[in-house]
Amino acid sequence: MSSERLPQVMDPDAPVFSISVAAALAEMHPQTLRTYDRLGLVVPSRAKGGGRRYSPRDVYRLRLIQRLSQEEGVNLNGIRRIIALQTELEDARRRIDELTDLVRSLAQREQSGTRIFSAGTTGHVWQGRSRRQPFALPASRSPRPDIA
């Protein structure tokens, strides 16, 4: 098998580990993983036969739970709250990255001179960058009655 056919980076959400492998990687007993699944702390994907399949992200979360529980003395309800907040933070960061990319692309479009509308201080709106062709909003759609 050639190395070109092997994935270069593993998807952190790919359900690839059986419960015994995930338990070994997390240094836990498989029964502990079943308990965490029942409690909703780490809910793995399911194979067609119903067996649990853990992702690398799941194994990371199992290790986090073990560290918080054993080293920090956090109870399972506290761990559940920490995980929920961590997930919320990751989602917010992902959304911030999306919005940053959007702002960046809009700024690049602005710099390239591809404006759709421009507005003057008197309330007139022009289509494009040129102020030669005023663009008037239809009276029925105008947000302000003083603009035609």
C-alpha atoms as a PDB file:
ATOM      1  CA  MET A   1       0.000   0.000   0.000  1.00  0.00           C
ATOM      2  CA  SER A   2       1.473   3.344  -1.002  1.00  0.00           C
ATOM      3  CA  SER A   3       1.590   6.314   1.328  1.00  0.00           C
ATOM      4  CA  GLU A   4      -0.291   8.481  -1.207  1.00  0.00           C
ATOM      5  CA  ARG A   5      -3.451   6.509  -0.449  1.00  0.00           C
ATOM      6  CA  LEU A   6      -3.285   7.091   3.308  1.00  0.00           C
ATOM      7  CA  PRO A   7      -4.990  10.164   4.739  1.00  0.00           C
ATOM      8  CA  GLN A   8      -2.530  12.860   5.723  1.00  0.00           C
ATOM      9  CA  VAL A   9      -4.716  14.285   8.496  1.00  0.00           C
ATOM     10  CA  MET A  10      -7.321  12.379  10.467  1.00  0.00           C
ATOM     11  CA  ASP A  11     -10.743  13.937  10.791  1.00  0.00           C
ATOM     12  CA  PRO A  12     -11.200  14.620  14.535  1.00  0.00           C
ATOM     13  CA  ASP A  13     -14.888  13.693  14.257  1.00  0.00           C
ATOM     14  CA  ALA A  14     -14.455  10.442  12.289  1.00  0.00           C
ATOM     15  CA  PRO A  15     -15.941   7.548  14.297  1.00  0.00           C
ATOM     16  CA  VAL A  16     -13.069   5.081  13.987  1.00  0.00           C
ATOM     17  CA  PHE A  17     -12.391   3.521  17.402  1.00  0.00           C
ATOM     18  CA  SER A  18     -14.318   0.654  18.961  1.00  0.00           C
ATOM     19  CA  ILE A  19     -15.141   0.920  22.654  1.00  0.00           C
ATOM     20  CA  SER A  20     -12.195  -1.274  23.647  1.00  0.00           C
ATOM     21  CA  VAL A  21      -9.709   0.813  21.650  1.00  0.00           C
ATOM     22  CA  ALA A  22     -11.181   4.114  22.891  1.00  0.00           C
ATOM     23  CA  ALA A  23     -11.066   2.819  26.479  1.00  0.00           C
ATOM     24  CA  ALA A  24      -7.419   1.860  26.063  1.00  0.00           C
ATOM     25  CA  LEU A  25      -6.551   5.246  24.521  1.00  0.00           C
ATOM     26  CA  ALA A  26      -8.343   7.084  27.336  1.00  0.00           C
ATOM     27  CA  GLU A  27      -6.910   4.717  29.963  1.00  0.00           C
ATOM     28  CA  MET A  28     -10.387   3.841  31.242  1.00  0.00           C
ATOM     29  CA  HIS A  29     -12.467   0.712  31.630  1.00  0.00           C
ATOM     30  CA  PRO A  30     -15.011   0.146  28.801  1.00  0.00           C
ATOM     31  CA  GLN A  31     -17.809   0.105  31.390  1.00  0.00           C
ATOM     32  CA  THR A  32     -16.887   3.699  32.308  1.00  0.00           C
ATOM     33  CA  LEU A  33     -17.349   4.705  28.662  1.00  0.00           C
ATOM     34  CA  ARG A  34     -20.771   3.043  28.634  1.00  0.00           C
ATOM     35  CA  THR A  35     -21.717   4.983  31.774  1.00  0.00           C
ATOM     36  CA  TYR A  36     -20.560   8.275  30.271  1.00  0.00           C
ATOM     37  CA  ASP A  37     -22.599   7.470  27.156  1.00  0.00           C
ATOM     38  CA  ARG A  38     -25.706   6.819  29.283  1.00  0.00           C
ATOM     39  CA  LEU A  39     -25.140  10.099  31.147  1.00  0.00           C
ATOM     40  CA  GLY A  40     -24.644  12.010  27.883  1.00  0.00           C
ATOM     41  CA  LEU A  41     -21.094  13.140  28.686  1.00  0.00           C
ATOM     42  CA  VAL A  42     -19.569  11.470  25.631  1.00  0.00           C
ATOM     43  CA  VAL A  43     -22.069  10.119  23.121  1.00  0.00           C
ATOM     44  CA  PRO A  44     -20.279   8.131  20.413  1.00  0.00           C
ATOM     45  CA  SER A  45     -21.585   7.350  16.939  1.00  0.00           C
ATOM     46  CA  ARG A  46     -23.093   3.948  16.322  1.00  0.00           C
ATOM     47  CA  ALA A  47     -21.999   1.356  13.787  1.00  0.00           C
ATOM     48  CA  LYS A  48     -24.615  -0.449  11.704  1.00  0.00           C
ATOM     49  CA  GLY A  49     -24.718  -3.281  14.223  1.00  0.00           C
ATOM     50  CA  GLY A  50     -25.251  -0.829  17.101  1.00  0.00           C
ATOM     51  CA  GLY A  51     -21.695  -0.882  18.457  1.00  0.00           C
ATOM     52  CA  ARG A  52     -20.197   2.338  19.725  1.00  0.00           C
ATOM     53  CA  ARG A  53     -17.625   4.094  17.516  1.00  0.00           C
ATOM     54  CA  TYR A  54     -15.506   6.817  19.105  1.00  0.00           C
ATOM     55  CA  SER A  55     -13.768   9.655  17.286  1.00  0.00           C
ATOM     56  CA  PRO A  56     -10.420  11.197  18.243  1.00  0.00           C
ATOM     57  CA  ARG A  57     -12.424  14.148  19.631  1.00  0.00           C
ATOM     58  CA  ASP A  58     -14.404  11.720  21.804  1.00  0.00           C
ATOM     59  CA  VAL A  59     -11.167  10.221  23.153  1.00  0.00           C
ATOM     60  CA  TYR A  60      -9.873  13.733  23.916  1.00  0.00           C
ATOM     61  CA  ARG A  61     -13.113  14.458  25.785  1.00  0.00           C
ATOM     62  CA  LEU A  62     -12.800  11.187  27.743  1.00  0.00           C
ATOM     63  CA  ARG A  63      -9.296  12.178  28.819  1.00  0.00           C
ATOM     64  CA  LEU A  64     -10.574  15.618  29.804  1.00  0.00           C
ATOM     65  CA  ILE A  65     -13.330  14.062  31.906  1.00  0.00           C
ATOM     66  CA  GLN A  66     -10.839  11.795  33.623  1.00  0.00           C
ATOM     67  CA  ARG A  67      -8.459  14.673  34.376  1.00  0.00           C
ATOM     68  CA  LEU A  68     -11.237  16.941  35.690  1.00  0.00           C
ATOM     69  CA  SER A  69     -12.640  14.160  37.818  1.00  0.00           C
ATOM     70  CA  GLN A  70      -9.441  12.667  39.241  1.00  0.00           C
ATOM     71  CA  GLU A  71      -7.015  15.578  39.357  1.00  0.00           C
ATOM     72  CA  GLU A  72      -9.332  18.552  39.799  1.00  0.00           C
ATOM     73  CA  GLY A  73     -12.043  16.882  41.889  1.00  0.00           C
ATOM     74  CA  VAL A  74     -14.921  18.071  39.690  1.00  0.00           C
ATOM     75  CA  ASN A  75     -18.127  16.023  39.949  1.00  0.00           C
ATOM     76  CA  LEU A  76     -19.950  14.728  36.854  1.00  0.00           C
ATOM     77  CA  ASN A  77     -22.514  17.555  36.847  1.00  0.00           C
ATOM     78  CA  GLY A  78     -19.700  20.092  36.930  1.00  0.00           C
ATOM     79  CA  ILE A  79     -17.933  18.240  34.110  1.00  0.00           C
ATOM     80  CA  ARG A  80     -21.154  18.265  32.069  1.00  0.00           C
ATOM     81  CA  ARG A  81     -21.375  22.047  32.509  1.00  0.00           C
ATOM     82  CA  ILE A  82     -17.699  22.545  31.601  1.00  0.00           C
ATOM     83  CA  ILE A  83     -18.135  20.474  28.447  1.00  0.00           C
ATOM     84  CA  ALA A  84     -21.292  22.390  27.489  1.00  0.00           C
ATOM     85  CA  LEU A  85     -19.477  25.715  27.934  1.00  0.00           C
ATOM     86  CA  GLN A  86     -16.469  24.439  26.001  1.00  0.00           C
ATOM     87  CA  THR A  87     -18.724  23.361  23.124  1.00  0.00           C
ATOM     88  CA  GLU A  88     -20.475  26.731  23.177  1.00  0.00           C
ATOM     89  CA  LEU A  89     -17.096  28.493  23.069  1.00  0.00           C
ATOM     90  CA  GLU A  90     -15.903  26.355  20.132  1.00  0.00           C
ATOM     91  CA  ASP A  91     -19.132  27.147  18.236  1.00  0.00           C
ATOM     92  CA  ALA A  92     -18.720  30.866  18.937  1.00  0.00           C
ATOM     93  CA  ARG A  93     -15.098  30.815  17.765  1.00  0.00           C
ATOM     94  CA  ARG A  94     -16.125  28.994  14.590  1.00  0.00           C
ATOM     95  CA  ARG A  95     -18.811  31.641  13.955  1.00  0.00           C
ATOM     96  CA  ILE A  96     -16.319  34.445  14.612  1.00  0.00           C
ATOM     97  CA  ASP A  97     -13.963  32.889  12.049  1.00  0.00           C
ATOM     98  CA  GLU A  98     -16.811  32.741   9.498  1.00  0.00           C
ATOM     99  CA  LEU A  99     -17.731  36.376  10.131  1.00  0.00           C
ATOM    100  CA  THR A 100     -14.081  37.457   9.972  1.00  0.00           C
ATOM    101  CA  ASP A 101     -13.751  35.772   6.575  1.00  0.00           C
ATOM    102  CA  LEU A 102     -16.934  37.500   5.400  1.00  0.00           C
ATOM    103  CA  VAL A 103     -15.730  40.916   6.551  1.00  0.00           C
ATOM    104  CA  ARG A 104     -12.357  40.304   4.906  1.00  0.00           C
ATOM    105  CA  SER A 105     -13.984  39.381   1.579  1.00  0.00           C
ATOM    106  CA  LEU A 106     -16.282  42.429   1.758  1.00  0.00           C
ATOM    107  CA  ALA A 107     -13.304  44.671   2.487  1.00  0.00           C
ATOM    108  CA  GLN A 108     -11.442  43.246  -0.496  1.00  0.00           C
ATOM    109  CA  ARG A 109     -14.494  43.836  -2.678  1.00  0.00           C
ATOM    110  CA  GLU A 110     -14.700  47.414  -1.367  1.00  0.00           C
ATOM    111  CA  GLN A 111     -11.030  48.020  -2.164  1.00  0.00           C
ATOM    112  CA  SER A 112     -11.470  46.690  -5.671  1.00  0.00           C
ATOM    113  CA  GLY A 113     -14.177  49.281  -6.301  1.00  0.00           C
ATOM    114  CA  THR A 114     -17.120  46.965  -6.803  1.00  0.00           C
ATOM    115  CA  ARG A 115     -19.760  48.837  -4.868  1.00  0.00           C
ATOM    116  CA  ILE A 116     -23.369  48.272  -5.698  1.00  0.00           C
ATOM    117  CA  PHE A 117     -24.801  51.458  -4.154  1.00  0.00           C
ATOM    118  CA  SER A 118     -23.400  54.694  -2.721  1.00  0.00           C
ATOM    119  CA  ALA A 119     -25.264  57.198  -0.593  1.00  0.00           C
ATOM    120  CA  GLY A 120     -24.658  60.892  -0.329  1.00  0.00           C
ATOM    121  CA  THR A 121     -25.115  63.173   2.663  1.00  0.00           C
ATOM    122  CA  THR A 122     -28.322  64.581   1.159  1.00  0.00           C
ATOM    123  CA  GLY A 123     -29.971  61.168   1.102  1.00  0.00           C
ATOM    124  CA  HIS A 124     -29.515  60.473  -2.583  1.00  0.00           C
ATOM    125  CA  VAL A 125     -28.480  56.964  -3.498  1.00  0.00           C
ATOM    126  CA  TRP A 126     -26.301  56.187  -6.511  1.00  0.00           C
ATOM    127  CA  GLN A 127     -25.876  52.880  -8.206  1.00  0.00           C
ATOM    128  CA  GLY A 128     -22.187  51.932  -8.416  1.00  0.00           C
ATOM    129  CA  ARG A 129     -19.364  54.260  -7.475  1.00  0.00           C
ATOM    130  CA  SER A 130     -20.390  56.918  -9.972  1.00  0.00           C
ATOM    131  CA  ARG A 131     -22.639  59.733  -8.804  1.00  0.00           C
ATOM    132  CA  ARG A 132     -23.720  60.400 -12.380  1.00  0.00           C
ATOM    133  CA  GLN A 133     -26.794  58.153 -12.276  1.00  0.00           C
ATOM    134  CA  PRO A 134     -28.926  58.763  -9.202  1.00  0.00           C
ATOM    135  CA  PHE A 135     -30.871  55.757  -8.035  1.00  0.00           C
ATOM    136  CA  ALA A 136     -34.214  56.539  -6.475  1.00  0.00           C
ATOM    137  CA  LEU A 137     -36.054  54.063  -4.334  1.00  0.00           C
ATOM    138  CA  PRO A 138     -39.685  53.552  -5.397  1.00  0.00           C
ATOM    139  CA  ALA A 139     -42.040  55.621  -3.246  1.00  0.00           C
ATOM    140  CA  SER A 140     -43.784  52.546  -1.879  1.00  0.00           C
ATOM    141  CA  ARG A 141     -40.492  50.992  -0.781  1.00  0.00           C
ATOM    142  CA  SER A 142     -38.750  54.068   0.539  1.00  0.00           C
ATOM    143  CA  PRO A 143     -37.840  53.740   4.238  1.00  0.00           C
ATOM    144  CA  ARG A 144     -38.181  57.503   4.593  1.00  0.00           C
ATOM    145  CA  PRO A 145     -41.046  59.530   3.114  1.00  0.00           C
ATOM    146  CA  ASP A 146     -38.746  62.437   2.160  1.00  0.00           C
ATOM    147  CA  ILE A 147     -36.773  60.253  -0.287  1.00  0.00           C
ATOM    148  CA  ALA A 148     -38.354  59.668  -3.675  1.00  0.00           C
END
